[in-house]
Amino acid sequence: MKDELREHVPLATRKLLLAFLTRDFYTEISYRFAFLVGIGGILFRAFIFYFLAQLIGDSAAPLLADYDGDYFAFVIIGIALGGYFGVGLSGFARALRQAQTTGTLEALMMTPVPVPLVIVGSAVWSYAYTTFRVLVYLLVGVLLLGLDLSGANVPAALLILLLGIISFASIGILAASVIMIVKRGDPVTALFGNLANLVGGVYYPIEVMPNWLQAAAKLLPITYALRGMRLALLAGASWAELAPDLWALLFFCLLLFPFSLWVFRYAVNRARADGSLAQY
């Protein structure tokens, strides 16, 4: 009996995640105009940074020597990976807030579904849509704007992406925990989001910043994810060259992910005890 149960748990998990994905997919496409506008925004942003790169020209090449000296390639990868950071940071909190306001949170938490699975399922669609957006960015860059990824270390890039997603999501789960307790999480997500854009290296290399801001950048997982991703995709860096960033991301994952799940479970239990699970 126990062996049969183990065999069915993965299937049940897949079905549950698919149910979350299907629900959010139909919700998203019900607003077709907004969906199409979002896709159009990808094209506009890609072309804006392409022309900005033409304006900058070779002046930024010395600072971008490690990434083949191309500012457009540098920033398009920053925007793409930054999308995953944004989803990890705000996706869980947004899903939790929506469940609170629609009155479905309390019912969901009363089901036998494990809390970690509720957390993951609530953001499945956000990650799927972000992956689609990233692919559009890269396809536009490669097919229309001369982005060269021919020498990319794809396996390393995928591992960096996975570790980055886990570490980004951990921060987002902590933000969702704040919402569960204080019913407002906007200040937390806004703080980390603005900090990442300022010092994480999304739009410019961190070497242009003063030393104290560079020190702050090294406390954020997005800094290592961006550097590693750019080295893997643009410079075809080897595993040995990428090792420092990989180890840093692994450290963030091992530290933040279990801690964030524990904090979220604590927040849920406290909200249940207070009778404030459905309040917002």
Protein backbone atom coordinates (compact mmCIF):
# COMPACT_ATOMS: atom_id res chain seq x y z
CA MET A 1 0.00 0.00 0.00
CA LYS A 2 2.77 2.44 0.87
CA ASP A 3 4.58 1.69 -2.41
CA GLU A 4 1.39 2.33 -4.36
CA LEU A 5 0.91 5.62 -2.53
CA ARG A 6 4.46 6.70 -3.42
CA GLU A 7 3.78 5.93 -7.07
CA HIS A 8 0.65 8.06 -7.10
CA VAL A 9 2.03 11.08 -5.26
CA PRO A 10 4.09 12.38 -8.22
CA LEU A 11 1.07 11.93 -10.51
CA ALA A 12 -1.18 13.78 -8.06
CA THR A 13 1.39 16.55 -7.79
CA ARG A 14 1.60 16.92 -11.57
CA LYS A 15 -2.18 17.02 -11.86
CA LEU A 16 -2.41 19.68 -9.16
CA LEU A 17 0.25 21.88 -10.76
CA LEU A 18 -1.46 21.44 -14.13
CA ALA A 19 -4.74 22.53 -12.53
CA PHE A 20 -3.09 25.70 -11.18
CA LEU A 21 -1.51 26.35 -14.59
CA THR A 22 -4.77 25.80 -16.48
CA ARG A 23 -6.74 28.05 -14.15
CA ASP A 24 -4.29 30.94 -14.44
CA PHE A 25 -3.88 30.43 -18.20
CA TYR A 26 -7.61 30.86 -18.83
CA THR A 27 -7.69 33.86 -16.52
CA GLU A 28 -4.85 35.48 -18.46
CA ILE A 29 -6.18 34.88 -21.97
CA SER A 30 -9.60 36.18 -20.96
CA TYR A 31 -7.95 39.60 -21.19
CA ARG A 32 -6.73 39.21 -24.79
CA PHE A 33 -5.96 42.86 -25.43
CA ALA A 34 -3.74 43.13 -22.37
CA PHE A 35 -1.98 39.91 -23.40
CA LEU A 36 -1.25 41.25 -26.89
CA VAL A 37 -0.11 44.60 -25.52
CA GLY A 38 2.34 42.75 -23.26
CA ILE A 39 3.84 40.94 -26.25
CA GLY A 40 4.09 44.20 -28.16
CA GLY A 41 5.89 45.73 -25.19
CA ILE A 42 8.62 43.10 -25.53
CA LEU A 43 9.29 44.19 -29.12
CA PHE A 44 9.35 47.88 -28.18
CA ARG A 45 11.78 47.35 -25.29
CA ALA A 46 14.08 45.20 -27.40
CA PHE A 47 14.30 47.85 -30.12
CA ILE A 48 14.71 50.68 -27.59
CA PHE A 49 17.77 49.05 -26.05
CA TYR A 50 19.11 48.09 -29.48
CA PHE A 51 19.10 51.75 -30.57
CA LEU A 52 20.46 52.81 -27.19
CA ALA A 53 23.34 50.39 -27.76
CA GLN A 54 23.98 52.06 -31.12
CA LEU A 55 24.15 55.43 -29.36
CA ILE A 56 26.60 54.14 -26.76
CA GLY A 57 28.70 52.50 -29.44
CA ASP A 58 32.13 51.28 -28.43
CA SER A 59 32.42 53.57 -25.42
CA ALA A 60 31.17 50.83 -23.10
CA ALA A 61 33.31 48.09 -24.66
CA PRO A 62 36.12 48.20 -22.04
CA LEU A 63 33.61 47.64 -19.22
CA LEU A 64 31.95 44.81 -21.15
CA ALA A 65 35.11 43.02 -22.27
CA ASP A 66 34.18 39.89 -20.32
CA TYR A 67 30.88 39.74 -22.20
CA ASP A 68 32.19 40.23 -25.74
CA GLY A 69 31.90 44.03 -25.49
CA ASP A 70 28.32 44.24 -26.80
CA TYR A 71 26.00 46.41 -24.72
CA PHE A 72 22.83 45.24 -26.48
CA ALA A 73 23.62 41.59 -25.75
CA PHE A 74 24.53 42.56 -22.18
CA VAL A 75 21.28 44.38 -21.46
CA ILE A 76 18.89 42.02 -23.29
CA ILE A 77 20.07 39.15 -21.11
CA GLY A 78 19.75 41.40 -18.07
CA ILE A 79 16.14 42.21 -18.94
CA ALA A 80 15.31 38.57 -19.68
CA LEU A 81 16.74 37.20 -16.43
CA GLY A 82 15.42 40.21 -14.54
CA GLY A 83 11.96 39.01 -15.52
CA TYR A 84 12.50 35.83 -13.53
CA PHE A 85 13.67 37.88 -10.57
CA GLY A 86 10.54 40.01 -10.78
CA VAL A 87 8.29 36.95 -10.91
CA GLY A 88 10.10 35.28 -8.05
CA LEU A 89 9.88 38.44 -6.00
CA SER A 90 6.24 39.40 -6.60
CA GLY A 91 4.53 36.36 -8.14
CA PHE A 92 3.84 34.52 -4.89
CA ALA A 93 2.76 37.66 -3.07
CA ARG A 94 0.47 38.67 -5.96
CA ALA A 95 -1.13 35.21 -6.10
CA LEU A 96 -1.62 35.20 -2.35
CA ARG A 97 -3.15 38.66 -2.40
CA GLN A 98 -5.53 37.65 -5.19
CA ALA A 99 -6.59 34.55 -3.26
CA GLN A 100 -7.26 36.71 -0.20
CA THR A 101 -9.37 39.25 -2.08
CA THR A 102 -11.37 36.61 -3.97
CA GLY A 103 -12.03 34.57 -0.83
CA THR A 104 -10.34 31.37 -2.07
CA LEU A 105 -7.30 31.39 0.22
CA GLU A 106 -8.96 29.98 3.32
CA ALA A 107 -10.65 27.19 1.35
CA LEU A 108 -7.36 26.31 -0.34
CA MET A 109 -5.45 26.19 2.92
CA MET A 110 -8.08 23.91 4.45
CA THR A 111 -7.49 21.24 1.79
CA PRO A 112 -4.94 18.43 2.33
CA VAL A 113 -2.65 20.02 -0.27
CA PRO A 114 0.80 20.60 1.29
CA VAL A 115 1.66 24.24 1.86
CA PRO A 116 4.85 24.11 -0.29
CA LEU A 117 2.77 22.78 -3.18
CA VAL A 118 0.28 25.61 -2.79
CA ILE A 119 3.17 28.06 -2.95
CA VAL A 120 4.68 26.51 -6.08
CA GLY A 121 1.34 26.03 -7.81
CA SER A 122 0.33 29.64 -7.30
CA ALA A 123 3.27 30.81 -9.41
CA VAL A 124 3.40 28.11 -12.12
CA TRP A 125 1.68 30.28 -14.71
CA SER A 126 3.82 33.32 -13.91
CA TYR A 127 6.99 31.32 -14.55
CA ALA A 128 5.58 29.74 -17.72
CA TYR A 129 4.61 33.15 -19.10
CA THR A 130 7.94 34.66 -18.12
CA THR A 131 9.75 31.84 -19.92
CA PHE A 132 7.69 32.62 -23.01
CA ARG A 133 8.62 36.30 -22.74
CA VAL A 134 12.30 35.43 -22.35
CA LEU A 135 12.20 33.27 -25.47
CA VAL A 136 10.56 36.12 -27.40
CA TYR A 137 13.29 38.52 -26.24
CA LEU A 138 16.04 36.14 -27.33
CA LEU A 139 14.38 35.30 -30.66
CA VAL A 140 13.90 38.97 -31.50
CA GLY A 141 17.52 39.63 -30.56
CA VAL A 142 18.90 36.72 -32.59
CA LEU A 143 16.65 36.93 -35.65
CA LEU A 144 16.24 40.70 -36.00
CA LEU A 145 18.91 42.52 -34.03
CA GLY A 146 22.12 40.53 -34.45
CA LEU A 147 22.39 38.90 -31.03
CA ASP A 148 25.04 36.19 -31.30
CA LEU A 149 24.61 33.16 -29.03
CA SER A 150 26.40 30.67 -31.26
CA GLY A 151 29.16 29.96 -28.72
CA ALA A 152 26.90 29.72 -25.67
CA ASN A 153 27.45 27.17 -22.91
CA VAL A 154 23.78 26.17 -22.84
CA PRO A 155 23.90 23.46 -20.11
CA ALA A 156 25.64 25.86 -17.73
CA ALA A 157 23.17 28.62 -18.58
CA LEU A 158 20.24 26.32 -17.79
CA LEU A 159 21.76 25.34 -14.44
CA ILE A 160 22.35 28.99 -13.58
CA LEU A 161 18.75 29.74 -14.53
CA LEU A 162 17.45 26.96 -12.29
CA LEU A 163 19.53 28.04 -9.29
CA GLY A 164 18.59 31.67 -9.93
CA ILE A 165 14.87 30.88 -10.06
CA ILE A 166 15.03 28.99 -6.75
CA SER A 167 16.93 31.77 -5.00
CA PHE A 168 14.68 34.49 -6.44
CA ALA A 169 11.57 32.55 -5.46
CA SER A 170 12.83 32.20 -1.90
CA ILE A 171 12.81 35.98 -1.49
CA GLY A 172 9.31 36.08 -2.99
CA ILE A 173 8.04 33.46 -0.55
CA LEU A 174 9.37 35.57 2.31
CA ALA A 175 7.46 38.55 0.89
CA ALA A 176 4.31 36.40 0.70
CA SER A 177 4.84 35.48 4.35
CA VAL A 178 4.83 39.16 5.27
CA ILE A 179 1.50 39.57 3.45
CA MET A 180 0.08 36.60 5.35
CA ILE A 181 0.82 38.27 8.68
CA VAL A 182 0.58 42.04 8.13
CA LYS A 183 -1.72 41.90 5.05
CA ARG A 184 0.56 44.25 3.11
CA GLY A 185 3.74 43.17 1.36
CA ASP A 186 4.22 45.95 -1.16
CA PRO A 187 7.04 47.68 0.76
CA VAL A 188 9.07 44.45 0.89
CA THR A 189 8.77 43.63 -2.81
CA ALA A 190 9.31 47.25 -3.82
CA LEU A 191 12.46 47.48 -1.70
CA PHE A 192 14.07 44.36 -3.15
CA GLY A 193 12.89 45.15 -6.67
CA ASN A 194 14.35 48.64 -6.65
CA LEU A 195 17.54 47.41 -4.99
CA ALA A 196 18.01 44.74 -7.65
CA ASN A 197 17.52 47.23 -10.48
CA LEU A 198 19.95 49.64 -8.86
CA VAL A 199 22.83 47.38 -7.89
CA GLY A 200 22.15 43.95 -9.43
CA GLY A 201 23.68 44.69 -12.81
CA VAL A 202 20.51 44.47 -14.90
CA TYR A 203 21.22 47.53 -17.06
CA TYR A 204 24.92 48.17 -16.46
CA PRO A 205 27.92 46.29 -15.06
CA ILE A 206 28.32 46.64 -11.33
CA GLU A 207 31.92 47.81 -11.87
CA VAL A 208 30.64 51.29 -12.73
CA MET A 209 29.27 51.73 -9.20
CA PRO A 210 31.19 52.87 -6.11
CA ASN A 211 32.74 50.18 -3.95
CA TRP A 212 30.07 50.33 -1.24
CA LEU A 213 27.31 49.67 -3.79
CA GLN A 214 29.33 46.84 -5.30
CA ALA A 215 29.50 45.33 -1.82
CA ALA A 216 25.70 45.58 -1.57
CA ALA A 217 25.36 43.93 -4.97
CA LYS A 218 27.26 40.88 -3.72
CA LEU A 219 24.52 40.26 -1.15
CA LEU A 220 21.92 39.66 -3.88
CA PRO A 221 21.58 36.40 -5.85
CA ILE A 222 20.63 38.26 -9.03
CA THR A 223 24.17 39.66 -9.25
CA TYR A 224 25.71 36.20 -9.52
CA ALA A 225 22.92 34.89 -11.76
CA LEU A 226 23.34 37.73 -14.24
CA ARG A 227 27.12 37.52 -14.35
CA GLY A 228 27.07 33.75 -14.75
CA MET A 229 24.34 33.82 -17.39
CA ARG A 230 26.14 36.46 -19.45
CA LEU A 231 29.45 34.63 -19.24
CA ALA A 232 27.78 31.36 -20.26
CA LEU A 233 25.73 32.78 -23.15
CA LEU A 234 27.97 35.52 -24.50
CA ALA A 235 31.48 34.28 -23.75
CA GLY A 236 30.87 30.53 -23.71
CA ALA A 237 32.59 30.34 -20.33
CA SER A 238 33.68 26.93 -19.06
CA TRP A 239 32.35 25.25 -15.93
CA ALA A 240 35.55 26.17 -14.09
CA GLU A 241 35.13 29.85 -15.01
CA LEU A 242 31.51 29.78 -13.88
CA ALA A 243 32.21 27.92 -10.63
CA PRO A 244 32.31 31.01 -8.33
CA ASP A 245 28.87 32.16 -9.49
CA LEU A 246 27.44 28.64 -9.38
CA TRP A 247 28.65 28.08 -5.83
CA ALA A 248 27.28 31.46 -4.74
CA LEU A 249 23.85 30.67 -6.21
CA LEU A 250 23.86 27.22 -4.64
CA PHE A 251 24.62 28.82 -1.27
CA PHE A 252 21.66 31.20 -1.66
CA CYS A 253 19.39 28.27 -2.59
CA LEU A 254 20.43 26.11 0.37
CA LEU A 255 20.15 29.02 2.78
CA LEU A 256 17.04 30.83 1.60
CA PHE A 257 14.70 28.17 0.21
CA PRO A 258 14.24 25.99 3.33
CA PHE A 259 14.13 29.10 5.50
CA SER A 260 11.46 30.74 3.32
CA LEU A 261 9.25 27.62 3.42
CA TRP A 262 9.59 27.47 7.19
CA VAL A 263 8.67 31.15 7.53
CA PHE A 264 5.67 30.76 5.23
CA ARG A 265 4.42 27.73 7.16
CA TYR A 266 4.81 29.72 10.39
CA ALA A 267 2.88 32.64 8.87
CA VAL A 268 0.04 30.35 7.77
CA ASN A 269 -0.20 28.72 11.20
CA ARG A 270 -0.18 32.10 12.92
CA ALA A 271 -2.90 33.44 10.62
CA ARG A 272 -4.99 30.34 11.32
CA ALA A 273 -4.54 30.76 15.06
CA ASP A 274 -5.51 34.44 14.85
CA GLY A 275 -8.48 33.70 12.61
CA SER A 276 -7.13 36.19 10.06
CA LEU A 277 -6.32 33.79 7.22
CA ALA A 278 -8.91 35.28 4.87
CA GLN A 279 -8.56 38.90 6.00
CA TYR A 280 -6.94 41.48 3.75
